[in-house]
Every structure is written in C-alpha cells, then in structure tokens.
C-alpha cells in the first residue's frame, strides 16, 4: 500500500481502538482516541522509512523490527501504541498489496503476501485499504469481546497498554 493508504488505515484504526478502549460517547472516549492517534500513525509510517535506506519492504518490514517496537515500552515506558501502527502497516502490506513483505528479513529474503492484494497504484488500493482496516477492527473487536478479562489485562500489561 502507499503512504496515503497507511495513514487512512491508521486514522480509522485509531478511532476504532480508541472507542474499543472507552466504548461511550464521552470526553473520555475522545481522550482515548487522541491518546492512540499520533503513536499509531507514527507506527504506521515507520516501516516505510526503509525507502530512504536499506531495502524497501525488507529492512523495516519484518518480525524482528516489530518485536523491538513491541518491547520498547517495557524498557523505556513510552511509545505504548506505536507497535499497533507498525503491526497494522504489516497487515495492510501483506493482505492489501500484491508484493507482500519479507517477514523474516534479515534471516530470509522471501516476501509474503496474500493472493487478493493489489498494486499500490491500482484504482482498488483505496477500497482494499478500507477492507483490510475493517478486517483489523473486526479482529480487535473479537479479541476485546471474546477474550477473558484476565487474559486481556495480562496482554495489555505485556504490551504497555496498562
């Protein structure tokens, strides 16, 4: 996907995640959206920094980078929501893009994608971004609604959300 698609995805996810965190029509819900908004967008844009150095869709589009970003709040107590943007960037590139990404780079160069992906310049790139975003929000909602509260609390603590 292109940068516009990643930003659209991040904005919609930020709103959805904010509402999932605070499912009310209130100032707290608006605060929840605002709290995740900038970190998720920064995380969504971060993997494409590899267009300026390294190999695009390899250098910063892999599981070791996601692990580092996921662990960051555990070590430094900040950037709690950036990993969400990075993860959803990967999901959008895997499911929405024809090319896919090299998940196991630098250990393995093979790129993984889903057969339904489109090229970044396709007229279908926008609708594909919306479809993948809807899928991501459906998965997030399913986790929130179906996971036992103690598992959610443990997971939230592990990734710096509590």
N, C-alpha and C. Protein backbone atom coordinates (compact mmCIF):
# COMPACT_ATOMS: atom_id res chain seq x y z
N UNK A 1 0.83 -1.19 0.00
CA UNK A 1 0.00 0.00 0.00
C UNK A 1 0.87 1.25 0.00
N UNK A 2 0.29 2.35 -0.41
CA UNK A 2 1.04 3.60 -0.43
C UNK A 2 0.88 4.33 0.92
N UNK A 3 1.61 5.44 1.07
CA UNK A 3 1.57 6.17 2.35
C UNK A 3 0.17 6.66 2.68
N UNK A 4 -0.56 7.11 1.67
CA UNK A 4 -1.94 7.57 1.92
C UNK A 4 -2.78 6.44 2.50
N UNK A 5 -2.63 5.24 1.96
CA UNK A 5 -3.37 4.09 2.48
C UNK A 5 -3.00 3.77 3.91
N UNK A 6 -1.71 3.86 4.22
CA UNK A 6 -1.27 3.59 5.59
C UNK A 6 -1.79 4.64 6.57
N UNK A 7 -1.81 5.89 6.14
CA UNK A 7 -2.34 6.95 7.02
C UNK A 7 -3.85 6.77 7.21
N UNK A 8 -4.57 6.49 6.13
CA UNK A 8 -6.02 6.25 6.24
C UNK A 8 -6.29 5.10 7.19
N UNK A 9 -5.56 4.01 7.01
CA UNK A 9 -5.68 2.84 7.88
C UNK A 9 -5.43 3.21 9.33
N UNK A 10 -4.37 3.97 9.59
CA UNK A 10 -4.01 4.35 10.96
C UNK A 10 -5.05 5.26 11.59
N UNK A 11 -5.59 6.20 10.83
CA UNK A 11 -6.62 7.10 11.36
C UNK A 11 -7.87 6.30 11.75
N UNK A 12 -8.33 5.45 10.84
CA UNK A 12 -9.53 4.66 11.12
C UNK A 12 -9.30 3.71 12.29
N UNK A 13 -8.13 3.09 12.34
CA UNK A 13 -7.82 2.19 13.45
C UNK A 13 -7.72 2.94 14.77
N UNK A 14 -7.14 4.12 14.75
CA UNK A 14 -7.04 4.92 15.98
C UNK A 14 -8.42 5.23 16.54
N UNK A 15 -9.32 5.60 15.67
CA UNK A 15 -10.69 5.87 16.12
C UNK A 15 -11.33 4.60 16.66
N UNK A 16 -11.20 3.51 15.92
CA UNK A 16 -11.79 2.24 16.36
C UNK A 16 -11.20 1.72 17.65
N UNK A 17 -9.89 1.78 17.79
CA UNK A 17 -9.23 1.30 19.01
C UNK A 17 -9.57 2.21 20.18
N UNK A 18 -9.60 3.52 19.94
CA UNK A 18 -9.99 4.44 21.00
C UNK A 18 -11.38 4.16 21.52
N UNK A 19 -12.30 3.87 20.62
CA UNK A 19 -13.68 3.56 21.02
C UNK A 19 -13.74 2.19 21.71
N UNK A 20 -12.96 1.22 21.24
CA UNK A 20 -12.93 -0.08 21.91
C UNK A 20 -12.40 0.05 23.34
N UNK A 21 -11.45 0.96 23.53
CA UNK A 21 -10.89 1.17 24.87
C UNK A 21 -11.87 1.89 25.79
N UNK A 22 -12.70 2.76 25.22
CA UNK A 22 -13.66 3.55 26.01
C UNK A 22 -14.96 3.62 25.22
N UNK A 23 -15.79 2.55 25.30
CA UNK A 23 -16.99 2.46 24.44
C UNK A 23 -18.17 3.30 24.93
N UNK A 24 -17.96 4.58 25.04
CA UNK A 24 -19.02 5.50 25.45
C UNK A 24 -18.95 6.74 24.55
N UNK A 25 -19.98 7.53 24.58
CA UNK A 25 -19.94 8.83 23.92
C UNK A 25 -19.64 9.84 25.03
N UNK A 26 -18.34 10.13 25.17
CA UNK A 26 -17.93 10.97 26.30
C UNK A 26 -16.60 11.64 25.99
N UNK A 27 -16.22 12.52 26.89
CA UNK A 27 -14.91 13.15 26.80
C UNK A 27 -13.79 12.11 26.95
N UNK A 28 -14.03 11.11 27.79
CA UNK A 28 -13.04 10.04 27.98
C UNK A 28 -12.82 9.25 26.69
N UNK A 29 -13.89 9.02 25.94
CA UNK A 29 -13.76 8.32 24.65
C UNK A 29 -12.92 9.15 23.67
N UNK A 30 -13.18 10.45 23.63
CA UNK A 30 -12.40 11.35 22.77
C UNK A 30 -10.93 11.35 23.20
N UNK A 31 -10.71 11.35 24.51
CA UNK A 31 -9.34 11.30 25.04
C UNK A 31 -8.66 10.00 24.66
N UNK A 32 -9.40 8.90 24.71
CA UNK A 32 -8.86 7.59 24.35
C UNK A 32 -8.43 7.57 22.89
N UNK A 33 -9.25 8.12 22.00
CA UNK A 33 -8.89 8.21 20.58
C UNK A 33 -7.65 9.08 20.42
N UNK A 34 -7.63 10.23 21.08
CA UNK A 34 -6.48 11.13 20.98
C UNK A 34 -5.20 10.48 21.49
N UNK A 35 -5.32 9.67 22.54
CA UNK A 35 -4.14 9.03 23.13
C UNK A 35 -3.47 8.06 22.17
N UNK A 36 -4.25 7.34 21.36
CA UNK A 36 -3.65 6.37 20.44
C UNK A 36 -3.37 6.97 19.06
N UNK A 37 -3.99 8.10 18.74
CA UNK A 37 -3.96 8.66 17.39
C UNK A 37 -2.53 8.88 16.85
N UNK A 38 -1.75 9.72 17.50
CA UNK A 38 -0.42 10.05 16.98
C UNK A 38 0.53 8.84 17.02
N UNK A 39 0.60 8.09 18.12
CA UNK A 39 1.50 6.93 18.12
C UNK A 39 1.17 5.90 17.04
N UNK A 40 -0.11 5.64 16.81
CA UNK A 40 -0.49 4.66 15.79
C UNK A 40 -0.10 5.17 14.40
N UNK A 41 -0.33 6.44 14.14
CA UNK A 41 0.07 7.00 12.83
C UNK A 41 1.59 6.96 12.67
N UNK A 42 2.33 7.33 13.70
CA UNK A 42 3.80 7.25 13.61
C UNK A 42 4.25 5.81 13.36
N UNK A 43 3.63 4.88 14.07
CA UNK A 43 3.98 3.47 13.87
C UNK A 43 3.63 3.00 12.47
N UNK A 44 2.51 3.47 11.93
CA UNK A 44 2.10 3.07 10.59
C UNK A 44 3.05 3.60 9.53
N UNK A 45 3.66 4.74 9.77
CA UNK A 45 4.58 5.33 8.80
C UNK A 45 6.02 4.82 8.97
N UNK A 46 6.36 4.39 10.17
CA UNK A 46 7.74 3.99 10.46
C UNK A 46 8.32 2.96 9.50
N UNK A 47 7.64 1.86 9.17
CA UNK A 47 8.27 0.88 8.29
C UNK A 47 8.69 1.43 6.93
N UNK A 48 8.01 2.46 6.44
CA UNK A 48 8.38 2.99 5.13
C UNK A 48 9.60 3.91 5.17
N UNK A 49 10.18 4.10 6.34
CA UNK A 49 11.46 4.81 6.42
C UNK A 49 12.52 4.04 5.62
N UNK A 50 12.30 2.73 5.44
CA UNK A 50 13.28 1.95 4.68
C UNK A 50 13.28 2.28 3.19
N UNK A 51 12.43 3.21 2.74
CA UNK A 51 12.54 3.68 1.35
C UNK A 51 13.74 4.60 1.20
N UNK A 52 14.21 5.17 2.32
CA UNK A 52 15.36 6.09 2.28
C UNK A 52 16.69 5.37 2.48
N UNK A 53 16.65 4.18 3.05
CA UNK A 53 17.87 3.39 3.24
C UNK A 53 17.49 1.92 3.28
N UNK A 54 18.45 1.07 3.02
CA UNK A 54 18.18 -0.37 3.08
C UNK A 54 17.34 -0.83 1.90
N UNK A 55 16.61 -1.90 2.14
CA UNK A 55 15.77 -2.50 1.10
C UNK A 55 14.31 -2.35 1.52
N UNK A 56 13.53 -1.65 0.66
CA UNK A 56 12.13 -1.42 0.98
C UNK A 56 11.37 -2.74 1.07
N UNK A 57 10.50 -2.82 2.05
CA UNK A 57 9.69 -3.99 2.40
C UNK A 57 10.54 -5.14 2.91
N UNK A 58 11.75 -4.83 3.31
CA UNK A 58 12.61 -5.81 3.95
C UNK A 58 13.20 -5.23 5.24
N UNK A 59 13.99 -4.16 5.14
CA UNK A 59 14.76 -3.63 6.26
C UNK A 59 13.90 -3.34 7.49
N UNK A 60 12.75 -2.68 7.32
CA UNK A 60 11.90 -2.34 8.47
C UNK A 60 10.52 -3.01 8.39
N UNK A 61 10.35 -3.94 7.50
CA UNK A 61 9.08 -4.66 7.34
C UNK A 61 9.27 -6.12 7.76
N UNK A 62 9.61 -6.36 9.02
CA UNK A 62 9.87 -7.74 9.43
C UNK A 62 9.56 -7.93 10.91
N UNK A 63 9.51 -9.17 11.31
CA UNK A 63 9.15 -9.50 12.69
C UNK A 63 10.18 -9.05 13.72
N UNK A 64 11.50 -9.10 13.45
CA UNK A 64 12.45 -8.57 14.44
C UNK A 64 12.21 -7.08 14.75
N UNK A 65 11.88 -6.28 13.75
CA UNK A 65 11.59 -4.85 13.99
C UNK A 65 10.32 -4.72 14.82
N UNK A 66 9.29 -5.51 14.50
CA UNK A 66 8.06 -5.46 15.28
C UNK A 66 8.33 -5.85 16.73
N UNK A 67 9.16 -6.85 16.95
CA UNK A 67 9.50 -7.27 18.32
C UNK A 67 10.19 -6.15 19.09
N UNK A 68 11.09 -5.43 18.44
CA UNK A 68 11.79 -4.32 19.09
C UNK A 68 10.80 -3.21 19.46
N UNK A 69 9.92 -2.86 18.53
CA UNK A 69 8.94 -1.79 18.78
C UNK A 69 7.96 -2.24 19.86
N UNK A 70 7.58 -3.51 19.86
CA UNK A 70 6.67 -4.04 20.86
C UNK A 70 7.30 -4.02 22.25
N UNK A 71 8.60 -4.28 22.33
CA UNK A 71 9.30 -4.31 23.61
C UNK A 71 9.68 -2.92 24.12
N UNK A 72 9.70 -1.94 23.25
CA UNK A 72 10.15 -0.61 23.61
C UNK A 72 9.49 -0.05 24.87
N UNK A 73 8.16 -0.11 24.99
CA UNK A 73 7.53 0.45 26.20
C UNK A 73 7.88 -0.31 27.47
N UNK A 74 8.26 -1.56 27.35
CA UNK A 74 8.64 -2.34 28.52
C UNK A 74 9.97 -1.87 29.09
N UNK A 75 10.83 -1.36 28.22
CA UNK A 75 12.16 -0.91 28.63
C UNK A 75 12.15 0.57 28.98
N UNK A 76 11.50 1.37 28.15
CA UNK A 76 11.59 2.83 28.29
C UNK A 76 10.31 3.51 28.78
N UNK A 77 9.24 2.78 28.95
CA UNK A 77 7.96 3.28 29.46
C UNK A 77 7.37 4.42 28.61
N UNK A 78 7.56 4.34 27.30
CA UNK A 78 6.89 5.27 26.40
C UNK A 78 6.65 4.57 25.06
N UNK A 79 6.01 5.25 24.16
CA UNK A 79 5.68 4.73 22.84
C UNK A 79 4.78 3.49 22.89
N UNK A 80 3.83 3.48 23.84
CA UNK A 80 2.99 2.31 24.07
C UNK A 80 2.17 1.88 22.86
N UNK A 81 1.77 2.78 22.00
CA UNK A 81 0.87 2.42 20.92
C UNK A 81 1.52 2.37 19.55
N UNK A 82 2.81 2.67 19.46
CA UNK A 82 3.49 2.67 18.17
C UNK A 82 3.47 1.28 17.54
N UNK A 83 3.59 0.25 18.34
CA UNK A 83 3.61 -1.11 17.81
C UNK A 83 2.32 -1.43 17.05
N UNK A 84 1.20 -0.84 17.45
CA UNK A 84 -0.07 -1.09 16.76
C UNK A 84 0.03 -0.57 15.32
N UNK A 85 0.59 0.62 15.16
CA UNK A 85 0.76 1.17 13.81
C UNK A 85 1.70 0.32 12.97
N UNK A 86 2.81 -0.14 13.56
CA UNK A 86 3.76 -0.98 12.83
C UNK A 86 3.08 -2.29 12.43
N UNK A 87 2.41 -2.93 13.38
CA UNK A 87 1.74 -4.21 13.08
C UNK A 87 0.69 -4.04 11.99
N UNK A 88 -0.13 -3.00 12.08
CA UNK A 88 -1.18 -2.83 11.08
C UNK A 88 -0.61 -2.42 9.72
N UNK A 89 0.55 -1.77 9.71
CA UNK A 89 1.24 -1.48 8.45
C UNK A 89 1.60 -2.81 7.78
N UNK A 90 2.14 -3.72 8.56
CA UNK A 90 2.49 -5.04 8.02
C UNK A 90 1.25 -5.76 7.49
N UNK A 91 0.17 -5.75 8.28
CA UNK A 91 -1.06 -6.43 7.86
C UNK A 91 -1.57 -5.84 6.55
N UNK A 92 -1.55 -4.52 6.45
CA UNK A 92 -2.01 -3.87 5.22
C UNK A 92 -1.12 -4.24 4.04
N UNK A 93 0.18 -4.29 4.22
CA UNK A 93 1.08 -4.68 3.13
C UNK A 93 0.95 -6.15 2.76
N UNK A 94 0.67 -7.01 3.73
CA UNK A 94 0.53 -8.45 3.44
C UNK A 94 -0.79 -8.74 2.74
N UNK A 95 -1.90 -8.22 3.28
CA UNK A 95 -3.22 -8.54 2.73
C UNK A 95 -3.63 -7.62 1.60
N UNK A 96 -3.21 -6.37 1.64
CA UNK A 96 -3.68 -5.40 0.66
C UNK A 96 -2.80 -5.23 -0.55
N UNK A 97 -1.53 -5.59 -0.43
CA UNK A 97 -0.57 -5.35 -1.50
C UNK A 97 -0.23 -6.64 -2.23
N UNK A 98 -0.04 -6.54 -3.50
CA UNK A 98 0.32 -7.70 -4.31
C UNK A 98 1.71 -8.25 -3.93
N UNK A 99 2.62 -7.36 -3.57
CA UNK A 99 4.00 -7.75 -3.33
C UNK A 99 4.21 -8.45 -1.99
N UNK A 100 3.60 -7.97 -0.91
CA UNK A 100 3.83 -8.54 0.41
C UNK A 100 5.08 -7.95 1.06
N UNK A 101 5.55 -8.60 2.13
CA UNK A 101 6.74 -8.13 2.85
C UNK A 101 7.61 -9.31 3.26
N UNK A 102 8.87 -9.02 3.56
CA UNK A 102 9.83 -10.04 3.99
C UNK A 102 9.79 -10.14 5.51
N UNK A 103 8.86 -10.93 6.03
CA UNK A 103 8.63 -11.03 7.47
C UNK A 103 9.86 -11.47 8.27
N UNK A 104 10.68 -12.29 7.69
CA UNK A 104 11.80 -12.87 8.44
C UNK A 104 13.16 -12.29 8.05
N UNK A 105 13.15 -11.16 7.34
CA UNK A 105 14.38 -10.47 6.99
C UNK A 105 15.05 -9.99 8.29
N UNK A 106 16.31 -10.04 8.47
CA UNK A 106 17.40 -10.32 7.54
C UNK A 106 17.77 -11.80 7.44
N UNK A 107 17.02 -12.66 8.07
CA UNK A 107 17.34 -14.09 8.06
C UNK A 107 16.88 -14.79 6.78
N UNK A 108 15.85 -14.23 6.14
CA UNK A 108 15.28 -14.83 4.95
C UNK A 108 14.66 -13.73 4.11
N UNK A 109 14.98 -13.68 2.82
CA UNK A 109 14.53 -12.62 1.92
C UNK A 109 13.13 -12.82 1.33
N UNK A 110 12.55 -13.99 1.49
CA UNK A 110 11.27 -14.28 0.86
C UNK A 110 10.18 -13.33 1.35
N UNK A 111 9.40 -12.80 0.40
CA UNK A 111 8.31 -11.89 0.74
C UNK A 111 6.99 -12.65 0.78
N UNK A 112 6.17 -12.32 1.79
CA UNK A 112 4.89 -12.98 1.97
C UNK A 112 3.76 -12.00 1.73
N UNK A 113 2.83 -12.41 0.92
CA UNK A 113 1.66 -11.60 0.65
C UNK A 113 0.45 -12.51 0.51
N UNK A 114 -0.70 -11.92 0.36
CA UNK A 114 -1.95 -12.65 0.22
C UNK A 114 -2.38 -12.54 -1.23
N UNK A 115 -2.97 -13.55 -1.82
CA UNK A 115 -3.28 -13.51 -3.26
C UNK A 115 -4.31 -12.45 -3.67
N UNK A 116 -5.00 -11.85 -2.73
CA UNK A 116 -6.02 -10.85 -3.10
C UNK A 116 -5.47 -9.44 -3.19
N UNK A 117 -4.19 -9.24 -2.91
CA UNK A 117 -3.60 -7.91 -2.89
C UNK A 117 -3.63 -7.21 -4.24
N UNK A 118 -3.51 -5.90 -4.20
CA UNK A 118 -3.49 -5.08 -5.42
C UNK A 118 -2.19 -4.28 -5.45
N UNK A 119 -1.87 -3.73 -6.61
CA UNK A 119 -0.68 -2.88 -6.69
C UNK A 119 -0.99 -1.55 -6.01
N UNK A 120 0.04 -0.88 -5.55
CA UNK A 120 -0.15 0.38 -4.82
C UNK A 120 -0.74 1.47 -5.71
N UNK A 121 -0.57 1.36 -7.02
CA UNK A 121 -1.11 2.37 -7.92
C UNK A 121 -2.49 1.99 -8.48
N UNK A 122 -3.02 0.87 -8.05
CA UNK A 122 -4.31 0.40 -8.55
C UNK A 122 -5.46 1.30 -8.10
N UNK A 123 -6.51 1.36 -8.92
CA UNK A 123 -7.72 2.09 -8.53
C UNK A 123 -8.41 1.40 -7.36
N UNK A 124 -8.02 0.18 -7.07
CA UNK A 124 -8.61 -0.60 -5.96
C UNK A 124 -7.83 -0.46 -4.67
N UNK A 125 -6.74 0.30 -4.67
CA UNK A 125 -5.91 0.44 -3.46
C UNK A 125 -6.72 1.05 -2.31
N UNK A 126 -7.51 2.07 -2.57
CA UNK A 126 -8.33 2.70 -1.53
C UNK A 126 -9.36 1.74 -0.95
N UNK A 127 -10.19 1.11 -1.81
CA UNK A 127 -11.15 0.14 -1.28
C UNK A 127 -10.48 -1.03 -0.54
N UNK A 128 -9.31 -1.46 -1.03
CA UNK A 128 -8.59 -2.55 -0.36
C UNK A 128 -8.14 -2.08 1.03
N UNK A 129 -7.68 -0.84 1.14
CA UNK A 129 -7.27 -0.30 2.44
C UNK A 129 -8.45 -0.33 3.42
N UNK A 130 -9.62 0.10 2.96
CA UNK A 130 -10.82 0.10 3.82
C UNK A 130 -11.18 -1.34 4.21
N UNK A 131 -11.11 -2.27 3.27
CA UNK A 131 -11.46 -3.67 3.56
C UNK A 131 -10.50 -4.27 4.59
N UNK A 132 -9.21 -4.03 4.43
CA UNK A 132 -8.23 -4.57 5.39
C UNK A 132 -8.42 -3.91 6.75
N UNK A 133 -8.69 -2.61 6.77
CA UNK A 133 -8.93 -1.90 8.03
C UNK A 133 -10.15 -2.49 8.74
N UNK A 134 -11.21 -2.75 8.00
CA UNK A 134 -12.42 -3.36 8.58
C UNK A 134 -12.09 -4.74 9.17
N UNK A 135 -11.27 -5.49 8.46
CA UNK A 135 -10.83 -6.80 8.96
C UNK A 135 -10.05 -6.64 10.26
N UNK A 136 -9.11 -5.70 10.30
CA UNK A 136 -8.31 -5.47 11.51
C UNK A 136 -9.18 -5.07 12.69
N UNK A 137 -10.14 -4.18 12.46
CA UNK A 137 -11.03 -3.75 13.54
C UNK A 137 -11.95 -4.88 13.99
N UNK A 138 -12.35 -5.74 13.07
CA UNK A 138 -13.17 -6.91 13.43
C UNK A 138 -12.37 -7.85 14.33
N UNK A 139 -11.12 -8.09 13.98
CA UNK A 139 -10.26 -8.95 14.81
C UNK A 139 -10.07 -8.32 16.19
N UNK A 140 -9.77 -7.02 16.23
CA UNK A 140 -9.58 -6.33 17.52
C UNK A 140 -10.84 -6.39 18.37
N UNK A 141 -11.99 -6.18 17.75
CA UNK A 141 -13.26 -6.24 18.48
C UNK A 141 -13.51 -7.65 19.00
N UNK A 142 -13.22 -8.64 18.18
CA UNK A 142 -13.38 -10.04 18.60
C UNK A 142 -12.52 -10.36 19.80
N UNK A 143 -11.29 -9.89 19.79
CA UNK A 143 -10.38 -10.12 20.92
C UNK A 143 -10.94 -9.47 22.18
N UNK A 144 -11.37 -8.22 22.06
CA UNK A 144 -11.90 -7.49 23.22
C UNK A 144 -13.17 -8.15 23.76
N UNK A 145 -14.04 -8.61 22.87
CA UNK A 145 -15.31 -9.17 23.31
C UNK A 145 -15.22 -10.63 23.76
N UNK A 146 -14.30 -11.40 23.19
CA UNK A 146 -14.28 -12.84 23.45
C UNK A 146 -13.21 -13.30 24.44
N UNK A 147 -12.14 -12.54 24.57
CA UNK A 147 -11.07 -12.96 25.47
C UNK A 147 -11.49 -12.74 26.92
N UNK A 148 -11.14 -13.67 27.79
CA UNK A 148 -11.44 -13.47 29.22
C UNK A 148 -10.74 -12.21 29.74
N UNK A 149 -11.38 -11.48 30.67
CA UNK A 149 -10.80 -10.22 31.17
C UNK A 149 -9.38 -10.37 31.71
N UNK A 150 -9.09 -11.47 32.38
CA UNK A 150 -7.74 -11.64 32.93
C UNK A 150 -6.69 -11.79 31.82
N UNK A 151 -7.07 -12.39 30.71
CA UNK A 151 -6.16 -12.51 29.57
C UNK A 151 -5.95 -11.13 28.94
N UNK A 152 -7.02 -10.37 28.80
CA UNK A 152 -6.90 -9.01 28.27
C UNK A 152 -6.02 -8.14 29.15
N UNK A 153 -6.21 -8.23 30.46
CA UNK A 153 -5.39 -7.44 31.39
C UNK A 153 -3.92 -7.82 31.29
N UNK A 154 -3.64 -9.11 31.24
CA UNK A 154 -2.27 -9.59 31.13
C UNK A 154 -1.64 -9.13 29.82
N UNK A 155 -2.40 -9.26 28.72
CA UNK A 155 -1.91 -8.82 27.41
C UNK A 155 -1.68 -7.32 27.38
N UNK A 156 -2.59 -6.55 27.95
CA UNK A 156 -2.44 -5.09 27.99
C UNK A 156 -1.21 -4.68 28.78
N UNK A 157 -0.95 -5.35 29.88
CA UNK A 157 0.25 -5.06 30.68
C UNK A 157 1.50 -5.43 29.89
N UNK A 158 1.45 -6.55 29.19
CA UNK A 158 2.63 -7.03 28.46
C UNK A 158 3.04 -6.08 27.35
N UNK A 159 2.07 -5.41 26.71
CA UNK A 159 2.42 -4.53 25.60
C UNK A 159 2.34 -3.06 25.99
N UNK A 160 2.25 -2.76 27.26
CA UNK A 160 2.33 -1.39 27.73
C UNK A 160 1.05 -0.58 27.64
N UNK A 161 -0.10 -1.26 27.52
CA UNK A 161 -1.36 -0.53 27.44
C UNK A 161 -1.97 -0.24 28.79
N UNK A 162 -1.40 -0.78 29.87
CA UNK A 162 -1.90 -0.50 31.23
C UNK A 162 -0.74 -0.18 32.14
